[in-house]
Amino acid sequence: QVLWIGDIYSLAIAGLLVTMGNLADRIGRKRLLLIGATAFGLASA
């Protein structure tokens, strides 16, 4: 579990980067960045 706590974060980013890059092309890169930043704050809490 300690290992998963450490590496699942980067694993999720690695698996979804290309997907999110394609999504940014569709809805706008600024818009997706702001949506992602909001979600990042909530997940941090």
ModelCIF file with pLDDT and N, C-alpha, C, O atoms, coordinates in Angstrom:
data_MODEL
#
_entry.id   MODEL 
#
_entity.id                         1 
_entity.type                       polymer 
_entity.pdbx_number_of_molecules   1 
#
_entity_poly.entity_id                      1 
_entity_poly.type                           'polypeptide(L)' 
_entity_poly.nstd_linkage                   no 
_entity_poly.nstd_monomer                   no 
_entity_poly.pdbx_seq_one_letter_code       QVLWIGDIYSLAIAGLLVTMGNLADRIGRKRLLLIGATAFGLASA 
_entity_poly.pdbx_seq_one_letter_code_can   QVLWIGDIYSLAIAGLLVTMGNLADRIGRKRLLLIGATAFGLASA 
_entity_poly.pdbx_strand_id                 A 
#
loop_
_entity_poly_seq.entity_id 
_entity_poly_seq.num 
_entity_poly_seq.mon_id 
_entity_poly_seq.hetero 
1 1  GLN n 
1 2  VAL n 
1 3  LEU n 
1 4  TRP n 
1 5  ILE n 
1 6  GLY n 
1 7  ASP n 
1 8  ILE n 
1 9  TYR n 
1 10 SER n 
1 11 LEU n 
1 12 ALA n 
1 13 ILE n 
1 14 ALA n 
1 15 GLY n 
1 16 LEU n 
1 17 LEU n 
1 18 VAL n 
1 19 THR n 
1 20 MET n 
1 21 GLY n 
1 22 ASN n 
1 23 LEU n 
1 24 ALA n 
1 25 ASP n 
1 26 ARG n 
1 27 ILE n 
1 28 GLY n 
1 29 ARG n 
1 30 LYS n 
1 31 ARG n 
1 32 LEU n 
1 33 LEU n 
1 34 LEU n 
1 35 ILE n 
1 36 GLY n 
1 37 ALA n 
1 38 THR n 
1 39 ALA n 
1 40 PHE n 
1 41 GLY n 
1 42 LEU n 
1 43 ALA n 
1 44 SER n 
1 45 ALA n 
#
_struct_asym.id          A 
_struct_asym.entity_id   1 
#
loop_
_ma_qa_metric.id 
_ma_qa_metric.mode 
_ma_qa_metric.name 
_ma_qa_metric.software_group_id 
_ma_qa_metric.type 
1 global pLDDT . pLDDT 
2 local  pLDDT . pLDDT 
#
_ma_qa_metric_global.metric_id      1 
_ma_qa_metric_global.metric_value   79.58 
_ma_qa_metric_global.model_id       1 
_ma_qa_metric_global.ordinal_id     1 
#
loop_
_ma_qa_metric_local.label_asym_id 
_ma_qa_metric_local.label_comp_id 
_ma_qa_metric_local.label_seq_id 
_ma_qa_metric_local.metric_id 
_ma_qa_metric_local.metric_value 
_ma_qa_metric_local.model_id 
_ma_qa_metric_local.ordinal_id 
A GLN 1  2 80.00 1 1  
A VAL 2  2 77.00 1 2  
A LEU 3  2 73.00 1 3  
A TRP 4  2 79.00 1 4  
A ILE 5  2 80.00 1 5  
A GLY 6  2 71.00 1 6  
A ASP 7  2 68.00 1 7  
A ILE 8  2 79.00 1 8  
A TYR 9  2 77.00 1 9  
A SER 10 2 67.00 1 10 
A LEU 11 2 70.00 1 11 
A ALA 12 2 78.00 1 12 
A ILE 13 2 75.00 1 13 
A ALA 14 2 67.00 1 14 
A GLY 15 2 71.00 1 15 
A LEU 16 2 77.00 1 16 
A LEU 17 2 73.00 1 17 
A VAL 18 2 72.00 1 18 
A THR 19 2 77.00 1 19 
A MET 20 2 79.00 1 20 
A GLY 21 2 72.00 1 21 
A ASN 22 2 71.00 1 22 
A LEU 23 2 75.00 1 23 
A ALA 24 2 74.00 1 24 
A ASP 25 2 70.00 1 25 
A ARG 26 2 73.00 1 26 
A ILE 27 2 76.00 1 27 
A GLY 28 2 77.00 1 28 
A ARG 29 2 79.00 1 29 
A LYS 30 2 84.00 1 30 
A ARG 31 2 85.00 1 31 
A LEU 32 2 86.00 1 32 
A LEU 33 2 86.00 1 33 
A LEU 34 2 89.00 1 34 
A ILE 35 2 90.00 1 35 
A GLY 36 2 88.00 1 36 
A ALA 37 2 89.00 1 37 
A THR 38 2 91.00 1 38 
A ALA 39 2 92.00 1 39 
A PHE 40 2 90.00 1 40 
A GLY 41 2 90.00 1 41 
A LEU 42 2 92.00 1 42 
A ALA 43 2 91.00 1 43 
A SER 44 2 90.00 1 44 
A ALA 45 2 91.00 1 45 
#
loop_
_atom_site.group_PDB 
_atom_site.id 
_atom_site.type_symbol 
_atom_site.label_atom_id 
_atom_site.label_alt_id 
_atom_site.label_comp_id 
_atom_site.label_asym_id 
_atom_site.label_entity_id 
_atom_site.label_seq_id 
_atom_site.pdbx_PDB_ins_code 
_atom_site.Cartn_x 
_atom_site.Cartn_y 
_atom_site.Cartn_z 
_atom_site.occupancy 
_atom_site.B_iso_or_equiv 
_atom_site.pdbx_formal_charge 
_atom_site.auth_seq_id 
_atom_site.auth_comp_id 
_atom_site.auth_asym_id 
_atom_site.auth_atom_id 
_atom_site.pdbx_PDB_model_num 
ATOM 1   N N  . GLN A 1 1  ? 0.828   -1.214 0.000   1.00 80.00 ? 1  GLN A N  1 
ATOM 2   C CA . GLN A 1 1  ? 0.000   0.000  0.000   1.00 80.00 ? 1  GLN A CA 1 
ATOM 3   C C  . GLN A 1 1  ? 0.859   1.259  0.000   1.00 80.00 ? 1  GLN A C  1 
ATOM 4   O O  . GLN A 1 1  ? 0.503   2.257  -0.627  1.00 80.00 ? 1  GLN A O  1 
ATOM 5   N N  . VAL A 1 2  ? 1.995   1.213  0.707   1.00 77.00 ? 2  VAL A N  1 
ATOM 6   C CA . VAL A 1 2  ? 2.898   2.366  0.706   1.00 77.00 ? 2  VAL A CA 1 
ATOM 7   C C  . VAL A 1 2  ? 3.389   2.648  -0.715  1.00 77.00 ? 2  VAL A C  1 
ATOM 8   O O  . VAL A 1 2  ? 3.460   3.803  -1.134  1.00 77.00 ? 2  VAL A O  1 
ATOM 9   N N  . LEU A 1 3  ? 3.724   1.592  -1.448  1.00 73.00 ? 3  LEU A N  1 
ATOM 10  C CA . LEU A 1 3  ? 4.173   1.776  -2.824  1.00 73.00 ? 3  LEU A CA 1 
ATOM 11  C C  . LEU A 1 3  ? 3.060   2.337  -3.696  1.00 73.00 ? 3  LEU A C  1 
ATOM 12  O O  . LEU A 1 3  ? 3.303   3.214  -4.525  1.00 73.00 ? 3  LEU A O  1 
ATOM 13  N N  . TRP A 1 4  ? 1.836   1.838  -3.515  1.00 79.00 ? 4  TRP A N  1 
ATOM 14  C CA . TRP A 1 4  ? 0.716   2.346  -4.308  1.00 79.00 ? 4  TRP A CA 1 
ATOM 15  C C  . TRP A 1 4  ? 0.422   3.808  -3.982  1.00 79.00 ? 4  TRP A C  1 
ATOM 16  O O  . TRP A 1 4  ? 0.106   4.597  -4.873  1.00 79.00 ? 4  TRP A O  1 
ATOM 17  N N  . ILE A 1 5  ? 0.528   4.166  -2.699  1.00 80.00 ? 5  ILE A N  1 
ATOM 18  C CA . ILE A 1 5  ? 0.329   5.571  -2.315  1.00 80.00 ? 5  ILE A CA 1 
ATOM 19  C C  . ILE A 1 5  ? 1.348   6.447  -3.040  1.00 80.00 ? 5  ILE A C  1 
ATOM 20  O O  . ILE A 1 5  ? 1.032   7.559  -3.463  1.00 80.00 ? 5  ILE A O  1 
ATOM 21  N N  . GLY A 1 6  ? 2.578   5.936  -3.180  1.00 71.00 ? 6  GLY A N  1 
ATOM 22  C CA . GLY A 1 6  ? 3.620   6.714  -3.819  1.00 71.00 ? 6  GLY A CA 1 
ATOM 23  C C  . GLY A 1 6  ? 3.496   6.811  -5.327  1.00 71.00 ? 6  GLY A C  1 
ATOM 24  O O  . GLY A 1 6  ? 3.747   7.872  -5.899  1.00 71.00 ? 6  GLY A O  1 
ATOM 25  N N  . ASP A 1 7  ? 3.108   5.706  -5.993  1.00 68.00 ? 7  ASP A N  1 
ATOM 26  C CA . ASP A 1 7  ? 3.232   5.722  -7.455  1.00 68.00 ? 7  ASP A CA 1 
ATOM 27  C C  . ASP A 1 7  ? 1.927   5.765  -8.230  1.00 68.00 ? 7  ASP A C  1 
ATOM 28  O O  . ASP A 1 7  ? 1.962   5.950  -9.446  1.00 68.00 ? 7  ASP A O  1 
ATOM 29  N N  . ILE A 1 8  ? 0.774   5.602  -7.583  1.00 79.00 ? 8  ILE A N  1 
ATOM 30  C CA . ILE A 1 8  ? -0.472  5.602  -8.353  1.00 79.00 ? 8  ILE A CA 1 
ATOM 31  C C  . ILE A 1 8  ? -0.755  6.980  -8.951  1.00 79.00 ? 8  ILE A C  1 
ATOM 32  O O  . ILE A 1 8  ? -1.420  7.092  -9.981  1.00 79.00 ? 8  ILE A O  1 
ATOM 33  N N  . TYR A 1 9  ? -0.252  8.013  -8.308  1.00 77.00 ? 9  TYR A N  1 
ATOM 34  C CA . TYR A 1 9  ? -0.423  9.382  -8.811  1.00 77.00 ? 9  TYR A CA 1 
ATOM 35  C C  . TYR A 1 9  ? 0.211   9.536  -10.193 1.00 77.00 ? 9  TYR A C  1 
ATOM 36  O O  . TYR A 1 9  ? -0.449  9.950  -11.146 1.00 77.00 ? 9  TYR A O  1 
ATOM 37  N N  . SER A 1 10 ? 1.492   9.201  -10.289 1.00 67.00 ? 10 SER A N  1 
ATOM 38  C CA . SER A 1 10 ? 2.178   9.347  -11.575 1.00 67.00 ? 10 SER A CA 1 
ATOM 39  C C  . SER A 1 10 ? 1.696   8.318  -12.587 1.00 67.00 ? 10 SER A C  1 
ATOM 40  O O  . SER A 1 10 ? 1.685   8.590  -13.788 1.00 67.00 ? 10 SER A O  1 
ATOM 41  N N  . LEU A 1 11 ? 1.299   7.148  -12.121 1.00 70.00 ? 11 LEU A N  1 
ATOM 42  C CA . LEU A 1 11 ? 0.782   6.135  -13.040 1.00 70.00 ? 11 LEU A CA 1 
ATOM 43  C C  . LEU A 1 11 ? -0.492  6.623  -13.720 1.00 70.00 ? 11 LEU A C  1 
ATOM 44  O O  . LEU A 1 11 ? -0.669  6.433  -14.924 1.00 70.00 ? 11 LEU A O  1 
ATOM 45  N N  . ALA A 1 12 ? -1.381  7.253  -12.949 1.00 78.00 ? 12 ALA A N  1 
ATOM 46  C CA . ALA A 1 12 ? -2.618  7.786  -13.524 1.00 78.00 ? 12 ALA A CA 1 
ATOM 47  C C  . ALA A 1 12 ? -2.324  8.893  -14.531 1.00 78.00 ? 12 ALA A C  1 
ATOM 48  O O  . ALA A 1 12 ? -2.943  8.954  -15.593 1.00 78.00 ? 12 ALA A O  1 
ATOM 49  N N  . ILE A 1 13 ? -1.385  9.759  -14.197 1.00 75.00 ? 13 ILE A N  1 
ATOM 50  C CA . ILE A 1 13 ? -1.016  10.822 -15.127 1.00 75.00 ? 13 ILE A CA 1 
ATOM 51  C C  . ILE A 1 13 ? -0.467  10.230 -16.424 1.00 75.00 ? 13 ILE A C  1 
ATOM 52  O O  . ILE A 1 13 ? -0.846  10.649 -17.518 1.00 75.00 ? 13 ILE A O  1 
ATOM 53  N N  . ALA A 1 14 ? 0.434   9.245  -16.290 1.00 67.00 ? 14 ALA A N  1 
ATOM 54  C CA . ALA A 1 14 ? 1.045   8.650  -17.477 1.00 67.00 ? 14 ALA A CA 1 
ATOM 55  C C  . ALA A 1 14 ? 0.002   8.000  -18.380 1.00 67.00 ? 14 ALA A C  1 
ATOM 56  O O  . ALA A 1 14 ? 0.066   8.133  -19.602 1.00 67.00 ? 14 ALA A O  1 
ATOM 57  N N  . GLY A 1 15 ? -0.956  7.301  -17.782 1.00 71.00 ? 15 GLY A N  1 
ATOM 58  C CA . GLY A 1 15 ? -1.950  6.606  -18.580 1.00 71.00 ? 15 GLY A CA 1 
ATOM 59  C C  . GLY A 1 15 ? -2.944  7.519  -19.265 1.00 71.00 ? 15 GLY A C  1 
ATOM 60  O O  . GLY A 1 15 ? -3.553  7.139  -20.265 1.00 71.00 ? 15 GLY A O  1 
ATOM 61  N N  . LEU A 1 16 ? -3.114  8.725  -18.736 1.00 77.00 ? 16 LEU A N  1 
ATOM 62  C CA . LEU A 1 16 ? -4.169  9.609  -19.245 1.00 77.00 ? 16 LEU A CA 1 
ATOM 63  C C  . LEU A 1 16 ? -3.655  10.837 -19.987 1.00 77.00 ? 16 LEU A C  1 
ATOM 64  O O  . LEU A 1 16 ? -4.455  11.612 -20.511 1.00 77.00 ? 16 LEU A O  1 
ATOM 65  N N  . LEU A 1 17 ? -2.333  11.033 -20.043 1.00 73.00 ? 17 LEU A N  1 
ATOM 66  C CA . LEU A 1 17 ? -1.810  12.247 -20.663 1.00 73.00 ? 17 LEU A CA 1 
ATOM 67  C C  . LEU A 1 17 ? -2.265  12.414 -22.109 1.00 73.00 ? 17 LEU A C  1 
ATOM 68  O O  . LEU A 1 17 ? -2.732  13.484 -22.498 1.00 73.00 ? 17 LEU A O  1 
ATOM 69  N N  . VAL A 1 18 ? -2.130  11.361 -22.898 1.00 72.00 ? 18 VAL A N  1 
ATOM 70  C CA . VAL A 1 18 ? -2.492  11.465 -24.308 1.00 72.00 ? 18 VAL A CA 1 
ATOM 71  C C  . VAL A 1 18 ? -3.992  11.683 -24.455 1.00 72.00 ? 18 VAL A C  1 
ATOM 72  O O  . VAL A 1 18 ? -4.434  12.458 -25.303 1.00 72.00 ? 18 VAL A O  1 
ATOM 73  N N  . THR A 1 19 ? -4.773  10.995 -23.622 1.00 77.00 ? 19 THR A N  1 
ATOM 74  C CA . THR A 1 19 ? -6.223  11.166 -23.651 1.00 77.00 ? 19 THR A CA 1 
ATOM 75  C C  . THR A 1 19 ? -6.600  12.619 -23.346 1.00 77.00 ? 19 THR A C  1 
ATOM 76  O O  . THR A 1 19 ? -7.413  13.219 -24.049 1.00 77.00 ? 19 THR A O  1 
ATOM 77  N N  . MET A 1 20 ? -6.009  13.166 -22.303 1.00 79.00 ? 20 MET A N  1 
ATOM 78  C CA . MET A 1 20 ? -6.342  14.530 -21.915 1.00 79.00 ? 20 MET A CA 1 
ATOM 79  C C  . MET A 1 20 ? -5.812  15.546 -22.922 1.00 79.00 ? 20 MET A C  1 
ATOM 80  O O  . MET A 1 20 ? -6.407  16.609 -23.100 1.00 79.00 ? 20 MET A O  1 
ATOM 81  N N  . GLY A 1 21 ? -4.702  15.229 -23.582 1.00 72.00 ? 21 GLY A N  1 
ATOM 82  C CA . GLY A 1 21 ? -4.219  16.108 -24.635 1.00 72.00 ? 21 GLY A CA 1 
ATOM 83  C C  . GLY A 1 21 ? -5.209  16.205 -25.773 1.00 72.00 ? 21 GLY A C  1 
ATOM 84  O O  . GLY A 1 21 ? -5.440  17.286 -26.313 1.00 72.00 ? 21 GLY A O  1 
ATOM 85  N N  . ASN A 1 22 ? -5.802  15.062 -26.144 1.00 71.00 ? 22 ASN A N  1 
ATOM 86  C CA . ASN A 1 22 ? -6.836  15.069 -27.176 1.00 71.00 ? 22 ASN A CA 1 
ATOM 87  C C  . ASN A 1 22 ? -8.074  15.823 -26.717 1.00 71.00 ? 22 ASN A C  1 
ATOM 88  O O  . ASN A 1 22 ? -8.688  16.547 -27.501 1.00 71.00 ? 22 ASN A O  1 
ATOM 89  N N  . LEU A 1 23 ? -8.445  15.657 -25.443 1.00 75.00 ? 23 LEU A N  1 
ATOM 90  C CA . LEU A 1 23 ? -9.606  16.358 -24.905 1.00 75.00 ? 23 LEU A CA 1 
ATOM 91  C C  . LEU A 1 23 ? -9.380  17.866 -24.904 1.00 75.00 ? 23 LEU A C  1 
ATOM 92  O O  . LEU A 1 23 ? -10.294 18.639 -25.192 1.00 75.00 ? 23 LEU A O  1 
ATOM 93  N N  . ALA A 1 24 ? -8.150  18.280 -24.576 1.00 74.00 ? 24 ALA A N  1 
ATOM 94  C CA . ALA A 1 24 ? -7.825  19.713 -24.572 1.00 74.00 ? 24 ALA A CA 1 
ATOM 95  C C  . ALA A 1 24 ? -7.992  20.315 -25.958 1.00 74.00 ? 24 ALA A C  1 
ATOM 96  O O  . ALA A 1 24 ? -8.436  21.455 -26.094 1.00 74.00 ? 24 ALA A O  1 
ATOM 97  N N  . ASP A 1 25 ? -7.637  19.549 -26.992 1.00 70.00 ? 25 ASP A N  1 
ATOM 98  C CA . ASP A 1 25 ? -7.818  20.031 -28.364 1.00 70.00 ? 25 ASP A CA 1 
ATOM 99  C C  . ASP A 1 25 ? -9.284  20.328 -28.662 1.00 70.00 ? 25 ASP A C  1 
ATOM 100 O O  . ASP A 1 25 ? -9.597  21.226 -29.444 1.00 70.00 ? 25 ASP A O  1 
ATOM 101 N N  . ARG A 1 26 ? -10.165 19.581 -28.046 1.00 73.00 ? 26 ARG A N  1 
ATOM 102 C CA . ARG A 1 26 ? -11.590 19.708 -28.340 1.00 73.00 ? 26 ARG A CA 1 
ATOM 103 C C  . ARG A 1 26 ? -12.249 20.834 -27.545 1.00 73.00 ? 26 ARG A C  1 
ATOM 104 O O  . ARG A 1 26 ? -12.986 21.643 -28.109 1.00 73.00 ? 26 ARG A O  1 
ATOM 105 N N  . ILE A 1 27 ? -11.984 20.890 -26.235 1.00 76.00 ? 27 ILE A N  1 
ATOM 106 C CA . ILE A 1 27 ? -12.719 21.836 -25.400 1.00 76.00 ? 27 ILE A CA 1 
ATOM 107 C C  . ILE A 1 27 ? -11.921 23.095 -25.074 1.00 76.00 ? 27 ILE A C  1 
ATOM 108 O O  . ILE A 1 27 ? -12.466 24.044 -24.510 1.00 76.00 ? 27 ILE A O  1 
ATOM 109 N N  . GLY A 1 28 ? -10.631 23.112 -25.425 1.00 77.00 ? 28 GLY A N  1 
ATOM 110 C CA . GLY A 1 28 ? -9.798  24.276 -25.141 1.00 77.00 ? 28 GLY A CA 1 
ATOM 111 C C  . GLY A 1 28 ? -8.790  23.960 -24.052 1.00 77.00 ? 28 GLY A C  1 
ATOM 112 O O  . GLY A 1 28 ? -9.143  23.395 -23.017 1.00 77.00 ? 28 GLY A O  1 
ATOM 113 N N  . ARG A 1 29 ? -7.514  24.331 -24.287 1.00 79.00 ? 29 ARG A N  1 
ATOM 114 C CA . ARG A 1 29 ? -6.456  23.977 -23.341 1.00 79.00 ? 29 ARG A CA 1 
ATOM 115 C C  . ARG A 1 29 ? -6.549  24.782 -22.048 1.00 79.00 ? 29 ARG A C  1 
ATOM 116 O O  . ARG A 1 29 ? -6.315  24.253 -20.961 1.00 79.00 ? 29 ARG A O  1 
ATOM 117 N N  . LYS A 1 30 ? -6.888  26.049 -22.170 1.00 84.00 ? 30 LYS A N  1 
ATOM 118 C CA . LYS A 1 30 ? -7.062  26.852 -20.958 1.00 84.00 ? 30 LYS A CA 1 
ATOM 119 C C  . LYS A 1 30 ? -8.222  26.319 -20.135 1.00 84.00 ? 30 LYS A C  1 
ATOM 120 O O  . LYS A 1 30 ? -8.112  26.182 -18.916 1.00 84.00 ? 30 LYS A O  1 
ATOM 121 N N  . ARG A 1 31 ? -9.320  26.020 -20.789 1.00 85.00 ? 31 ARG A N  1 
ATOM 122 C CA . ARG A 1 31 ? -10.501 25.545 -20.071 1.00 85.00 ? 31 ARG A CA 1 
ATOM 123 C C  . ARG A 1 31 ? -10.223 24.240 -19.336 1.00 85.00 ? 31 ARG A C  1 
ATOM 124 O O  . ARG A 1 31 ? -10.612 24.078 -18.180 1.00 85.00 ? 31 ARG A O  1 
ATOM 125 N N  . LEU A 1 32 ? -9.541  23.298 -20.016 1.00 86.00 ? 32 LEU A N  1 
ATOM 126 C CA . LEU A 1 32 ? -9.255  22.020 -19.370 1.00 86.00 ? 32 LEU A CA 1 
ATOM 127 C C  . LEU A 1 32 ? -8.274  22.203 -18.220 1.00 86.00 ? 32 LEU A C  1 
ATOM 128 O O  . LEU A 1 32 ? -8.392  21.535 -17.193 1.00 86.00 ? 32 LEU A O  1 
ATOM 129 N N  . LEU A 1 33 ? -7.304  23.106 -18.384 1.00 86.00 ? 33 LEU A N  1 
ATOM 130 C CA . LEU A 1 33 ? -6.361  23.364 -17.298 1.00 86.00 ? 33 LEU A CA 1 
ATOM 131 C C  . LEU A 1 33 ? -7.080  23.876 -16.055 1.00 86.00 ? 33 LEU A C  1 
ATOM 132 O O  . LEU A 1 33 ? -6.786  23.441 -14.942 1.00 86.00 ? 33 LEU A O  1 
ATOM 133 N N  . LEU A 1 34 ? -8.016  24.792 -16.241 1.00 89.00 ? 34 LEU A N  1 
ATOM 134 C CA . LEU A 1 34 ? -8.739  25.352 -15.090 1.00 89.00 ? 34 LEU A CA 1 
ATOM 135 C C  . LEU A 1 34 ? -9.664  24.315 -14.454 1.00 89.00 ? 34 LEU A C  1 
ATOM 136 O O  . LEU A 1 34 ? -9.795  24.268 -13.231 1.00 89.00 ? 34 LEU A O  1 
ATOM 137 N N  . ILE A 1 35 ? -10.306 23.484 -15.281 1.00 90.00 ? 35 ILE A N  1 
ATOM 138 C CA . ILE A 1 35 ? -11.138 22.410 -14.736 1.00 90.00 ? 35 ILE A CA 1 
ATOM 139 C C  . ILE A 1 35 ? -10.279 21.428 -13.943 1.00 90.00 ? 35 ILE A C  1 
ATOM 140 O O  . ILE A 1 35 ? -10.634 21.028 -12.835 1.00 90.00 ? 35 ILE A O  1 
ATOM 141 N N  . GLY A 1 36 ? -9.133  21.043 -14.534 1.00 88.00 ? 36 GLY A N  1 
ATOM 142 C CA . GLY A 1 36 ? -8.246  20.115 -13.853 1.00 88.00 ? 36 GLY A CA 1 
ATOM 143 C C  . GLY A 1 36 ? -7.680  20.682 -12.567 1.00 88.00 ? 36 GLY A C  1 
ATOM 144 O O  . GLY A 1 36 ? -7.544  19.958 -11.581 1.00 88.00 ? 36 GLY A O  1 
ATOM 145 N N  . ALA A 1 37 ? -7.348  21.962 -12.557 1.00 89.00 ? 37 ALA A N  1 
ATOM 146 C CA . ALA A 1 37 ? -6.819  22.584 -11.344 1.00 89.00 ? 37 ALA A CA 1 
ATOM 147 C C  . ALA A 1 37 ? -7.851  22.574 -10.227 1.00 89.00 ? 37 ALA A C  1 
ATOM 148 O O  . ALA A 1 37 ? -7.510  22.337 -9.068  1.00 89.00 ? 37 ALA A O  1 
ATOM 149 N N  . THR A 1 38 ? -9.105  22.831 -10.566 1.00 91.00 ? 38 THR A N  1 
ATOM 150 C CA . THR A 1 38 ? -10.169 22.777 -9.558  1.00 91.00 ? 38 THR A CA 1 
ATOM 151 C C  . THR A 1 38 ? -10.292 21.373 -8.977  1.00 91.00 ? 38 THR A C  1 
ATOM 152 O O  . THR A 1 38 ? -10.376 21.204 -7.761  1.00 91.00 ? 38 THR A O  1 
ATOM 153 N N  . ALA A 1 39 ? -10.302 20.366 -9.850  1.00 92.00 ? 39 ALA A N  1 
ATOM 154 C CA . ALA A 1 39 ? -10.394 18.980 -9.385  1.00 92.00 ? 39 ALA A CA 1 
ATOM 155 C C  . ALA A 1 39 ? -9.170  18.604 -8.548  1.00 92.00 ? 39 ALA A C  1 
ATOM 156 O O  . ALA A 1 39 ? -9.287  17.850 -7.582  1.00 92.00 ? 39 ALA A O  1 
ATOM 157 N N  . PHE A 1 40 ? -8.009  19.121 -8.911  1.00 90.00 ? 40 PHE A N  1 
ATOM 158 C CA . PHE A 1 40 ? -6.785  18.836 -8.172  1.00 90.00 ? 40 PHE A CA 1 
ATOM 159 C C  . PHE A 1 40 ? -6.886  19.373 -6.744  1.00 90.00 ? 40 PHE A C  1 
ATOM 160 O O  . PHE A 1 40 ? -6.460  18.715 -5.795  1.00 90.00 ? 40 PHE A O  1 
ATOM 161 N N  . GLY A 1 41 ? -7.449  20.565 -6.599  1.00 90.00 ? 41 GLY A N  1 
ATOM 162 C CA . GLY A 1 41 ? -7.621  21.133 -5.270  1.00 90.00 ? 41 GLY A CA 1 
ATOM 163 C C  . GLY A 1 41 ? -8.563  20.310 -4.411  1.00 90.00 ? 41 GLY A C  1 
ATOM 164 O O  . GLY A 1 41 ? -8.291  20.078 -3.232  1.00 90.00 ? 41 GLY A O  1 
ATOM 165 N N  . LEU A 1 42 ? -9.684  19.862 -5.002  1.00 92.00 ? 42 LEU A N  1 
ATOM 166 C CA . LEU A 1 42 ? -10.648 19.057 -4.241  1.00 92.00 ? 42 LEU A CA 1 
ATOM 167 C C  . LEU A 1 42 ? -10.045 17.714 -3.831  1.00 92.00 ? 42 LEU A C  1 
ATOM 168 O O  . LEU A 1 42 ? -10.254 17.258 -2.707  1.00 92.00 ? 42 LEU A O  1 
ATOM 169 N N  . ALA A 1 43 ? -9.297  17.079 -4.739  1.00 91.00 ? 43 ALA A N  1 
ATOM 170 C CA . ALA A 1 43 ? -8.665  15.799 -4.420  1.00 91.00 ? 43 ALA A CA 1 
ATOM 171 C C  . ALA A 1 43 ? -7.586  15.969 -3.350  1.00 91.00 ? 43 ALA A C  1 
ATOM 172 O O  . ALA A 1 43 ? -7.372  15.073 -2.534  1.00 91.00 ? 43 ALA A O  1 
ATOM 173 N N  . SER A 1 44 ? -6.915  17.109 -3.355  1.00 90.00 ? 44 SER A N  1 
ATOM 174 C CA . SER A 1 44 ? -5.897  17.381 -2.335  1.00 90.00 ? 44 SER A CA 1 
ATOM 175 C C  . SER A 1 44 ? -6.527  17.437 -0.943  1.00 90.00 ? 44 SER A C  1 
ATOM 176 O O  . SER A 1 44 ? -5.974  16.911 0.022   1.00 90.00 ? 44 SER A O  1 
ATOM 177 N N  . ALA A 1 45 ? -7.683  18.079 -0.857  1.00 91.00 ? 45 ALA A N  1 
ATOM 178 C CA . ALA A 1 45 ? -8.377  18.153 0.432   1.00 91.00 ? 45 ALA A CA 1 
ATOM 179 C C  . ALA A 1 45 ? -8.800  16.762 0.908   1.00 91.00 ? 45 ALA A C  1 
ATOM 180 O O  . ALA A 1 45 ? -9.397  16.630 1.976   1.00 91.00 ? 45 ALA A O  1 
#
